[in-house]
Amino acid sequence: MKWIKAPEELKTLLEKAMEGIECEKRPMFGYPCYFINRNMFIGLFQDQVFIRLSNSQLSSLKPKFASIVNLEPMQGRPMKDYFVLPKEIYTSNRTFGEIIRTSADHTRQLAPKAKKSKKK
């Protein structure tokens, strides 16, 4: 499967949504992603917005947005705790902002991810 570039308008939308959120922007899979304590919590994959959700967040969102699915950068290999958001979420400033803040709070509570040592 050939990967496609993230649309510029989606990159801009995500960057604006991250204003005021204390996090680090780094590329992952060649796409812009944001990290808290070296834990990825939101980003783009192709033309999709994905976010880390706690079990309680997922439980509260799933009834309203049945189209939320696990992020699968490689077919058949879903990423645990990372979910693709439907367009109706990330195009609603209020809803998207609320989900981002809740996800950021959840991610801050996780243990910082250890740095990988460089191979010689």
Foldseek 3Di string as FASTA:
>chain_A
DDAAAADPVVVVLVVVLCVPPPWDWDDDPNWTFTHDLQHTAWTDGRHWTKGFDDPVRCVVCCVVPVPKDFDDSDPPDGDPRMITDDPVQSVDSVNVSVRVVVSSVVRNPDHRDDDDDDDD
